[in-house]
Protein backbone atom coordinates (compact mmCIF):
# COMPACT_ATOMS: atom_id res chain seq x y z
CA MET A 1 104.68 -94.18 113.69
CA GLY A 2 103.43 -92.42 110.56
CA MET A 3 102.37 -95.57 108.72
CA GLY A 4 99.43 -97.68 109.70
CA SER A 5 96.61 -99.74 108.33
CA ILE A 6 93.18 -98.48 107.53
CA ARG A 7 90.06 -100.63 107.42
CA ALA A 8 88.43 -100.23 104.05
CA SER A 9 86.06 -102.18 101.97
CA GLY A 10 87.93 -104.04 99.31
CA GLY A 11 91.64 -104.58 98.98
CA ASP A 12 91.81 -106.91 101.98
CA ASP A 13 94.60 -109.40 102.30
CA GLU A 14 94.08 -112.94 103.57
CA ASP A 15 93.87 -111.77 107.24
CA GLY A 16 91.08 -109.31 106.47
CA LEU A 17 93.24 -106.20 106.98
CA ASP A 18 93.75 -103.42 104.47
CA THR A 19 97.44 -103.02 103.54
CA THR A 20 97.26 -99.60 101.84
CA PRO A 21 99.68 -97.19 103.56
CA MET A 22 98.34 -94.15 105.41
CA SER A 23 99.42 -91.00 103.59
CA GLU A 24 98.64 -88.41 106.28
CA ILE A 25 101.43 -86.59 108.12
CA ASN A 26 101.19 -86.40 111.89
CA VAL A 27 102.33 -82.83 112.72
CA THR A 28 101.91 -83.04 116.49
CA PRO A 29 105.46 -84.26 117.19
CA MET A 30 106.89 -81.57 114.89
CA VAL A 31 104.91 -78.83 116.69
CA ASP A 32 106.13 -80.17 120.06
CA VAL A 33 109.75 -80.05 118.91
CA MET A 34 109.34 -76.51 117.50
CA LEU A 35 107.82 -75.21 120.72
CA VAL A 36 110.68 -76.72 122.78
CA LEU A 37 113.24 -75.09 120.44
CA LEU A 38 111.39 -71.77 120.68
CA ILE A 39 111.55 -71.86 124.47
CA ILE A 40 115.23 -72.79 124.42
CA PHE A 41 116.09 -69.88 122.12
CA MET A 42 113.94 -67.44 124.11
CA VAL A 43 115.85 -68.35 127.29
CA ALA A 44 119.26 -68.49 125.62
CA ALA A 45 119.09 -65.24 123.56
CA PRO A 46 119.34 -62.80 126.50
CA LEU A 47 122.25 -64.76 127.93
CA MET A 48 124.22 -64.38 124.68
CA THR A 49 123.99 -60.59 124.61
CA THR A 50 125.64 -59.89 127.96
CA GLY A 51 129.17 -60.65 126.74
CA VAL A 52 132.20 -61.09 128.96
CA PRO A 53 132.19 -59.06 132.15
CA VAL A 54 135.24 -56.77 132.45
CA GLN A 55 136.36 -53.98 134.71
CA LEU A 56 136.79 -50.91 132.50
CA PRO A 57 139.65 -48.54 133.32
CA LYS A 58 138.96 -44.92 134.26
CA THR A 59 140.24 -42.11 132.05
CA SER A 60 140.71 -38.38 132.42
CA ALA A 61 139.95 -37.66 128.75
CA ALA A 62 137.28 -35.09 128.03
CA LYS A 63 133.86 -36.31 126.92
CA VAL A 64 133.03 -36.09 123.23
CA ALA A 65 131.30 -32.82 122.52
CA GLN A 66 127.74 -32.94 121.26
CA ALA A 67 127.15 -31.63 117.75
CA LYS A 68 126.22 -27.96 117.76
CA LYS A 69 122.97 -26.71 116.32
CA PRO A 70 123.70 -25.42 112.82
CA LEU A 71 123.55 -21.71 112.05
CA GLU A 72 120.66 -20.88 109.74
CA VAL A 73 120.80 -17.99 107.30
CA THR A 74 117.34 -17.27 105.81
CA ILE A 75 116.57 -15.27 102.69
CA ASP A 76 112.97 -14.01 102.64
CA LYS A 77 110.75 -13.17 99.66
CA ASP A 78 112.26 -9.68 99.39
CA GLY A 79 115.79 -11.07 99.23
CA SER A 80 116.75 -9.83 102.70
CA PRO A 81 119.05 -12.19 104.58
CA SER A 82 118.50 -12.86 108.29
CA ILE A 83 120.14 -14.83 111.08
CA ALA A 84 117.98 -15.92 114.01
CA LYS A 85 115.12 -13.60 112.99
CA GLU A 86 117.51 -10.58 112.85
CA ILE A 87 117.29 -9.02 109.39
CA PHE A 88 120.47 -7.70 107.74
CA THR A 89 121.38 -5.90 104.57
CA GLN A 90 123.97 -7.41 102.23
CA GLU A 91 126.57 -4.99 103.63
CA SER A 92 125.77 -5.55 107.31
CA LEU A 93 125.63 -9.33 106.95
CA MET A 94 129.33 -9.81 106.20
CA PRO A 95 130.69 -8.33 109.51
CA ARG A 96 128.21 -10.45 111.50
CA LEU A 97 129.19 -13.62 109.65
CA ARG A 98 132.90 -12.87 110.12
CA ALA A 99 132.39 -12.45 113.85
CA MET A 100 130.55 -15.76 114.05
CA ALA A 101 133.17 -17.51 111.92
CA ALA A 102 135.92 -16.21 114.23
CA GLU A 103 134.21 -17.98 117.13
CA ASP A 104 133.80 -21.33 115.35
CA PRO A 105 134.76 -21.68 111.65
CA SER A 106 133.86 -25.37 111.61
CA GLN A 107 130.19 -24.69 112.43
CA VAL A 108 127.66 -25.89 109.87
CA VAL A 109 125.76 -23.10 108.11
CA LEU A 110 122.41 -23.87 106.49
CA VAL A 111 121.08 -21.40 103.92
CA ARG A 112 117.33 -21.27 103.46
CA GLY A 113 115.80 -19.31 100.62
CA ASP A 114 112.20 -18.59 99.69
CA ARG A 115 111.22 -20.27 96.43
CA ASP A 116 110.42 -16.86 94.88
CA VAL A 117 113.93 -15.52 95.45
CA PRO A 118 116.13 -15.64 92.35
CA TYR A 119 118.82 -18.32 92.42
CA GLY A 120 121.54 -15.70 91.93
CA LYS A 121 120.54 -13.97 95.19
CA ILE A 122 120.85 -17.23 97.13
CA MET A 123 124.25 -17.88 95.59
CA GLU A 124 125.41 -14.36 96.58
CA VAL A 125 124.52 -15.07 100.21
CA MET A 126 126.24 -18.46 100.06
CA GLY A 127 129.31 -16.69 98.67
CA LEU A 128 129.25 -14.27 101.58
CA VAL A 129 129.04 -17.17 104.04
CA GLY A 130 132.06 -18.78 102.38
CA GLN A 131 134.05 -15.53 102.34
CA ALA A 132 133.32 -15.03 106.03
CA GLY A 133 135.31 -18.20 106.77
CA PHE A 134 132.75 -20.96 107.12
CA THR A 135 133.75 -24.20 105.39
CA LYS A 136 130.55 -26.26 105.85
CA VAL A 137 127.73 -24.58 103.93
CA SER A 138 124.57 -26.35 102.81
CA LEU A 139 121.20 -25.44 101.29
CA ILE A 140 117.95 -26.41 102.94
CA ALA A 141 115.05 -27.55 100.77
CA GLN A 142 111.67 -28.86 101.78
CA SER A 143 111.10 -32.53 100.98
CA PRO A 144 107.91 -33.53 99.16
CA GLY A 145 106.54 -34.92 102.46
CA GLY A 146 106.82 -31.48 104.04
CA ALA A 147 109.55 -32.26 106.59
CA LEU A 148 112.88 -30.52 106.54
CA PRO A 149 115.85 -32.83 105.81
CA SER A 150 118.59 -33.08 108.39
CA ALA A 151 122.02 -31.69 107.66
CA PRO A 152 124.76 -34.24 107.00
CA GLY A 153 127.24 -34.43 109.85
CA ALA A 154 125.18 -32.23 112.13
CA ALA A 155 122.29 -32.57 114.50
CA ALA A 156 118.91 -32.11 112.88
CA PRO A 157 117.55 -28.59 113.26
CA ALA A 158 115.06 -28.31 116.10
CA ALA A 159 113.01 -25.75 114.18
CA PRO A 160 109.49 -26.63 113.12
CA ALA A 161 108.86 -27.49 109.49
CA ALA A 162 108.61 -24.58 107.06
CA PRO A 163 105.12 -23.43 106.03
CA ALA A 164 103.59 -25.24 103.13
CA ASN A 165 103.83 -22.19 100.81
CA GLY A 166 107.63 -22.12 101.24
CA ALA A 167 107.68 -18.68 102.88
CA ALA A 168 110.46 -17.98 105.36
CA ARG A 169 109.64 -17.64 109.03
């Protein structure tokens, strides 16, 4: 097996054989066993994932609706709010937001503001969004890597990343 005798000069017993044990490990049988186990697991793994075959019942329930694209309200450098590239004044923004909130008050609204716009102006627009009837309002900021973060509980906006200088589109 793993022990044997080695012929060496000196240390012979009366038969002329060296009795010092061999201290080398024979790894060939271990590699053979590991390869057999690998093959067994490679064959068995796909069989374990199939589960028990069942006949699923049919239902007349409606399919789960896909998450809607969030509504984006953008505030440009001049402090003018816009929705989908349509620029509004502070006074004309409220009726438009109320009409949109009447359609779907649970829609997610994302507020984007240029970095040069005062914080108070962004908060005024967020207040208008809340007064219009929207309950899910979030701010969008640009991450250090340049990508826009996705909104929690909503599908990620399909819009391209904002320009590097932070200017609104």
